[in-house]
Amino acid sequence: MSGPVNRVEISGVITELKSLRYTPAGVPVVEFRLRHESERAEAGASRKVNAEIEAVAFEAQASLLAAGPMGRLLKAEGFLCAKNRQSKKPVLHVTNIEFIEGK
């Protein structure tokens, strides 16, 4: 039996991108929203999937996002974590970003 799993891979378009800022330790960070649209099979039928999630990226991934254009399709990989101690709302912490060419 393996340990707990918390891994997310999703593609989408950035709909909101906040300004690049730095933590007190000097680490670059950027918060953004990612809109995903696709069709998935569920219960023997095709279902349209639409979702918009909050996300955050640090270090090189933050700098990459801050320099990239809004509206461009990308694939994000990371994990879910509570927004903060007061809010248990999940936020995607992005550890890898790949811009999808031709989109």
N, C-alpha and C. Protein backbone atom coordinates (compact mmCIF):
# COMPACT_ATOMS: atom_id res chain seq x y z
N MET A 1 0.84 -1.19 0.00
CA MET A 1 0.00 0.00 0.00
C MET A 1 0.88 1.25 0.00
N SER A 2 0.56 2.19 -0.85
CA SER A 2 1.34 3.43 -0.91
C SER A 2 0.75 4.47 0.03
N GLY A 3 1.49 5.54 0.23
CA GLY A 3 1.06 6.62 1.12
C GLY A 3 0.02 7.50 0.46
N PRO A 4 -0.36 8.58 1.13
CA PRO A 4 -1.35 9.51 0.60
C PRO A 4 -0.92 10.10 -0.75
N VAL A 5 -1.87 10.31 -1.64
CA VAL A 5 -1.60 10.85 -2.97
C VAL A 5 -2.25 12.23 -3.09
N ASN A 6 -1.51 13.18 -3.60
CA ASN A 6 -2.03 14.53 -3.85
C ASN A 6 -1.27 15.06 -5.06
N ARG A 7 -1.78 14.74 -6.25
CA ARG A 7 -1.14 15.14 -7.50
C ARG A 7 -2.23 15.58 -8.47
N VAL A 8 -2.04 16.74 -9.08
CA VAL A 8 -3.01 17.29 -10.03
C VAL A 8 -2.29 17.62 -11.33
N GLU A 9 -2.92 17.27 -12.45
CA GLU A 9 -2.45 17.65 -13.78
C GLU A 9 -3.67 18.16 -14.53
N ILE A 10 -3.61 19.41 -14.98
CA ILE A 10 -4.76 20.02 -15.63
C ILE A 10 -4.28 21.01 -16.69
N SER A 11 -5.05 21.13 -17.75
CA SER A 11 -4.74 22.15 -18.76
C SER A 11 -5.82 23.21 -18.72
N GLY A 12 -5.48 24.39 -19.16
CA GLY A 12 -6.45 25.46 -19.17
C GLY A 12 -5.83 26.78 -19.60
N VAL A 13 -6.63 27.81 -19.45
CA VAL A 13 -6.24 29.16 -19.85
C VAL A 13 -6.26 30.06 -18.61
N ILE A 14 -5.25 30.90 -18.48
CA ILE A 14 -5.20 31.83 -17.36
C ILE A 14 -6.23 32.93 -17.59
N THR A 15 -7.15 33.09 -16.63
CA THR A 15 -8.18 34.11 -16.74
C THR A 15 -7.90 35.31 -15.84
N GLU A 16 -7.05 35.12 -14.85
CA GLU A 16 -6.67 36.22 -13.96
C GLU A 16 -5.24 35.97 -13.51
N LEU A 17 -4.42 37.00 -13.56
CA LEU A 17 -3.02 36.87 -13.18
C LEU A 17 -2.65 38.08 -12.33
N LYS A 18 -2.36 37.84 -11.06
CA LYS A 18 -1.98 38.93 -10.17
C LYS A 18 -0.51 39.28 -10.41
N SER A 19 -0.10 40.40 -9.89
CA SER A 19 1.28 40.86 -10.06
C SER A 19 2.26 39.94 -9.33
N LEU A 20 3.41 39.78 -9.92
CA LEU A 20 4.49 39.02 -9.29
C LEU A 20 4.88 39.75 -8.01
N ARG A 21 4.98 39.01 -6.92
CA ARG A 21 5.42 39.59 -5.65
C ARG A 21 6.46 38.66 -5.04
N TYR A 22 7.00 39.06 -3.90
CA TYR A 22 8.04 38.27 -3.25
C TYR A 22 7.67 38.01 -1.80
N THR A 23 7.94 36.80 -1.34
CA THR A 23 7.71 36.46 0.06
C THR A 23 8.73 37.19 0.91
N PRO A 24 8.54 37.24 2.24
CA PRO A 24 9.55 37.87 3.10
C PRO A 24 10.94 37.25 2.94
N ALA A 25 11.00 35.99 2.51
CA ALA A 25 12.29 35.33 2.29
C ALA A 25 12.86 35.62 0.90
N GLY A 26 12.14 36.43 0.09
CA GLY A 26 12.63 36.81 -1.23
C GLY A 26 12.27 35.84 -2.35
N VAL A 27 11.33 34.94 -2.10
CA VAL A 27 10.92 33.96 -3.11
C VAL A 27 9.82 34.57 -3.99
N PRO A 28 9.98 34.57 -5.33
CA PRO A 28 8.93 35.08 -6.20
C PRO A 28 7.68 34.20 -6.13
N VAL A 29 6.52 34.86 -6.14
CA VAL A 29 5.24 34.15 -6.07
C VAL A 29 4.21 34.90 -6.92
N VAL A 30 3.34 34.15 -7.59
CA VAL A 30 2.26 34.76 -8.35
C VAL A 30 0.99 33.91 -8.16
N GLU A 31 -0.12 34.60 -7.95
CA GLU A 31 -1.41 33.94 -7.82
C GLU A 31 -2.17 34.14 -9.13
N PHE A 32 -2.95 33.12 -9.53
CA PHE A 32 -3.70 33.22 -10.78
C PHE A 32 -4.91 32.30 -10.74
N ARG A 33 -5.79 32.45 -11.73
CA ARG A 33 -6.95 31.59 -11.90
C ARG A 33 -6.81 30.88 -13.24
N LEU A 34 -7.17 29.61 -13.25
CA LEU A 34 -7.04 28.78 -14.44
C LEU A 34 -8.41 28.23 -14.82
N ARG A 35 -8.83 28.46 -16.08
CA ARG A 35 -10.12 27.95 -16.56
C ARG A 35 -9.87 26.71 -17.41
N HIS A 36 -10.57 25.64 -17.08
CA HIS A 36 -10.44 24.37 -17.79
C HIS A 36 -11.77 24.04 -18.47
N GLU A 37 -11.71 23.59 -19.72
CA GLU A 37 -12.89 23.13 -20.45
C GLU A 37 -12.51 21.86 -21.19
N SER A 38 -13.36 20.83 -21.08
CA SER A 38 -13.10 19.58 -21.79
C SER A 38 -14.39 18.75 -21.82
N GLU A 39 -14.30 17.58 -22.43
CA GLU A 39 -15.37 16.59 -22.38
C GLU A 39 -14.81 15.33 -21.77
N ARG A 40 -15.53 14.74 -20.82
CA ARG A 40 -15.09 13.55 -20.14
C ARG A 40 -16.21 12.51 -20.18
N ALA A 41 -15.84 11.26 -20.13
CA ALA A 41 -16.83 10.17 -20.05
C ALA A 41 -17.20 9.97 -18.59
N GLU A 42 -18.52 9.92 -18.34
CA GLU A 42 -19.01 9.69 -16.98
C GLU A 42 -20.32 8.93 -17.06
N ALA A 43 -20.42 7.82 -16.36
CA ALA A 43 -21.64 7.01 -16.31
C ALA A 43 -22.12 6.64 -17.71
N GLY A 44 -21.19 6.33 -18.59
CA GLY A 44 -21.53 5.89 -19.93
C GLY A 44 -21.92 6.99 -20.90
N ALA A 45 -21.75 8.24 -20.50
CA ALA A 45 -22.11 9.36 -21.38
C ALA A 45 -20.99 10.39 -21.41
N SER A 46 -21.01 11.24 -22.42
CA SER A 46 -20.04 12.32 -22.53
C SER A 46 -20.56 13.52 -21.76
N ARG A 47 -19.70 14.13 -20.98
CA ARG A 47 -20.10 15.27 -20.16
C ARG A 47 -19.15 16.43 -20.42
N LYS A 48 -19.72 17.63 -20.61
CA LYS A 48 -18.90 18.83 -20.74
C LYS A 48 -18.44 19.23 -19.35
N VAL A 49 -17.15 19.51 -19.24
CA VAL A 49 -16.55 19.89 -17.97
C VAL A 49 -16.07 21.33 -18.07
N ASN A 50 -16.50 22.15 -17.15
CA ASN A 50 -16.07 23.53 -17.05
C ASN A 50 -15.72 23.80 -15.59
N ALA A 51 -14.53 24.31 -15.35
CA ALA A 51 -14.12 24.62 -13.99
C ALA A 51 -13.11 25.75 -14.03
N GLU A 52 -13.12 26.55 -12.98
CA GLU A 52 -12.12 27.60 -12.82
C GLU A 52 -11.56 27.45 -11.42
N ILE A 53 -10.23 27.35 -11.32
CA ILE A 53 -9.62 27.11 -10.02
C ILE A 53 -8.58 28.18 -9.71
N GLU A 54 -8.41 28.41 -8.41
CA GLU A 54 -7.35 29.30 -7.95
C GLU A 54 -6.06 28.52 -7.90
N ALA A 55 -4.96 29.20 -8.24
CA ALA A 55 -3.66 28.55 -8.25
C ALA A 55 -2.58 29.54 -7.81
N VAL A 56 -1.45 28.98 -7.41
CA VAL A 56 -0.31 29.79 -7.01
C VAL A 56 0.96 29.08 -7.49
N ALA A 57 1.95 29.87 -7.88
CA ALA A 57 3.23 29.32 -8.32
C ALA A 57 4.36 30.11 -7.66
N PHE A 58 5.45 29.41 -7.38
CA PHE A 58 6.61 30.01 -6.74
C PHE A 58 7.84 29.88 -7.64
N GLU A 59 8.86 30.62 -7.30
CA GLU A 59 10.18 30.57 -7.93
C GLU A 59 10.13 30.66 -9.45
N ALA A 60 10.78 29.73 -10.15
CA ALA A 60 10.89 29.80 -11.62
C ALA A 60 9.52 29.74 -12.28
N GLN A 61 8.61 28.94 -11.73
CA GLN A 61 7.27 28.83 -12.33
C GLN A 61 6.52 30.16 -12.22
N ALA A 62 6.70 30.87 -11.12
CA ALA A 62 6.07 32.19 -10.94
C ALA A 62 6.61 33.19 -11.96
N SER A 63 7.91 33.20 -12.14
CA SER A 63 8.52 34.12 -13.10
C SER A 63 8.08 33.80 -14.52
N LEU A 64 7.97 32.53 -14.85
CA LEU A 64 7.52 32.10 -16.17
C LEU A 64 6.09 32.57 -16.44
N LEU A 65 5.22 32.39 -15.46
CA LEU A 65 3.82 32.83 -15.61
C LEU A 65 3.72 34.35 -15.73
N ALA A 66 4.45 35.06 -14.90
CA ALA A 66 4.39 36.52 -14.90
C ALA A 66 4.82 37.10 -16.23
N ALA A 67 5.72 36.42 -16.94
CA ALA A 67 6.23 36.91 -18.23
C ALA A 67 5.37 36.45 -19.41
N GLY A 68 4.52 35.44 -19.18
CA GLY A 68 3.73 34.87 -20.27
C GLY A 68 2.46 35.65 -20.55
N PRO A 69 1.91 35.50 -21.73
CA PRO A 69 0.68 36.21 -22.08
C PRO A 69 -0.57 35.56 -21.48
N MET A 70 -1.54 36.39 -21.13
CA MET A 70 -2.83 35.89 -20.65
C MET A 70 -3.54 35.22 -21.83
N GLY A 71 -4.38 34.26 -21.53
CA GLY A 71 -5.19 33.62 -22.56
C GLY A 71 -4.51 32.49 -23.29
N ARG A 72 -3.27 32.24 -23.00
CA ARG A 72 -2.54 31.15 -23.67
C ARG A 72 -2.79 29.83 -22.93
N LEU A 73 -2.96 28.76 -23.68
CA LEU A 73 -3.22 27.45 -23.10
C LEU A 73 -1.95 26.89 -22.47
N LEU A 74 -2.11 26.32 -21.29
CA LEU A 74 -0.98 25.72 -20.62
C LEU A 74 -1.39 24.46 -19.88
N LYS A 75 -0.41 23.65 -19.56
CA LYS A 75 -0.62 22.47 -18.71
C LYS A 75 0.08 22.76 -17.40
N ALA A 76 -0.63 22.55 -16.30
CA ALA A 76 -0.08 22.79 -14.97
C ALA A 76 -0.09 21.48 -14.18
N GLU A 77 0.99 21.24 -13.47
CA GLU A 77 1.09 20.09 -12.58
C GLU A 77 1.40 20.60 -11.19
N GLY A 78 0.83 19.95 -10.19
CA GLY A 78 1.09 20.36 -8.82
C GLY A 78 0.29 19.56 -7.83
N PHE A 79 -0.07 20.23 -6.73
CA PHE A 79 -0.82 19.57 -5.65
C PHE A 79 -1.81 20.56 -5.04
N LEU A 80 -2.80 20.03 -4.34
CA LEU A 80 -3.80 20.87 -3.68
C LEU A 80 -3.42 21.10 -2.23
N CYS A 81 -3.67 22.32 -1.76
CA CYS A 81 -3.40 22.69 -0.38
C CYS A 81 -4.45 23.72 0.05
N ALA A 82 -4.79 23.75 1.33
CA ALA A 82 -5.74 24.75 1.84
C ALA A 82 -5.19 26.14 1.57
N LYS A 83 -6.11 27.07 1.25
CA LYS A 83 -5.70 28.44 0.93
C LYS A 83 -4.89 29.07 2.05
N ASN A 84 -5.35 28.90 3.27
CA ASN A 84 -4.63 29.41 4.44
C ASN A 84 -5.18 28.71 5.69
N ARG A 85 -4.73 29.13 6.84
CA ARG A 85 -5.18 28.48 8.09
C ARG A 85 -6.65 28.72 8.38
N GLN A 86 -7.18 29.84 7.92
CA GLN A 86 -8.59 30.16 8.18
C GLN A 86 -9.53 29.57 7.14
N SER A 87 -9.04 29.30 5.93
CA SER A 87 -9.87 28.81 4.84
C SER A 87 -9.35 27.46 4.35
N LYS A 88 -10.22 26.49 4.33
CA LYS A 88 -9.85 25.15 3.85
C LYS A 88 -10.09 25.00 2.35
N LYS A 89 -10.48 26.10 1.68
CA LYS A 89 -10.71 26.07 0.24
C LYS A 89 -9.42 25.63 -0.46
N PRO A 90 -9.51 24.63 -1.36
CA PRO A 90 -8.29 24.16 -2.01
C PRO A 90 -7.76 25.13 -3.06
N VAL A 91 -6.44 25.22 -3.12
CA VAL A 91 -5.72 26.02 -4.10
C VAL A 91 -4.69 25.10 -4.74
N LEU A 92 -4.56 25.18 -6.07
CA LEU A 92 -3.56 24.39 -6.78
C LEU A 92 -2.20 25.06 -6.64
N HIS A 93 -1.25 24.36 -6.03
CA HIS A 93 0.13 24.83 -5.94
C HIS A 93 0.88 24.22 -7.12
N VAL A 94 1.23 25.05 -8.07
CA VAL A 94 1.81 24.59 -9.33
C VAL A 94 3.32 24.38 -9.17
N THR A 95 3.77 23.19 -9.53
CA THR A 95 5.20 22.86 -9.45
C THR A 95 5.83 22.75 -10.82
N ASN A 96 5.00 22.65 -11.88
CA ASN A 96 5.53 22.58 -13.24
C ASN A 96 4.51 23.17 -14.21
N ILE A 97 5.00 23.99 -15.13
CA ILE A 97 4.14 24.62 -16.13
C ILE A 97 4.72 24.35 -17.51
N GLU A 98 3.82 24.03 -18.43
CA GLU A 98 4.23 23.82 -19.82
C GLU A 98 3.24 24.57 -20.70
N PHE A 99 3.70 25.57 -21.43
CA PHE A 99 2.83 26.27 -22.37
C PHE A 99 2.59 25.36 -23.56
N ILE A 100 1.35 25.25 -24.00
CA ILE A 100 0.98 24.37 -25.12
C ILE A 100 1.02 25.19 -26.40
N GLU A 101 1.89 24.79 -27.31
CA GLU A 101 2.11 25.53 -28.55
C GLU A 101 0.91 25.42 -29.49
N GLY A 102 0.72 26.46 -30.27
CA GLY A 102 -0.31 26.46 -31.29
C GLY A 102 -1.71 26.71 -30.80
N LYS A 103 -1.84 27.11 -29.56
CA LYS A 103 -3.18 27.33 -29.00
C LYS A 103 -3.35 28.77 -28.61
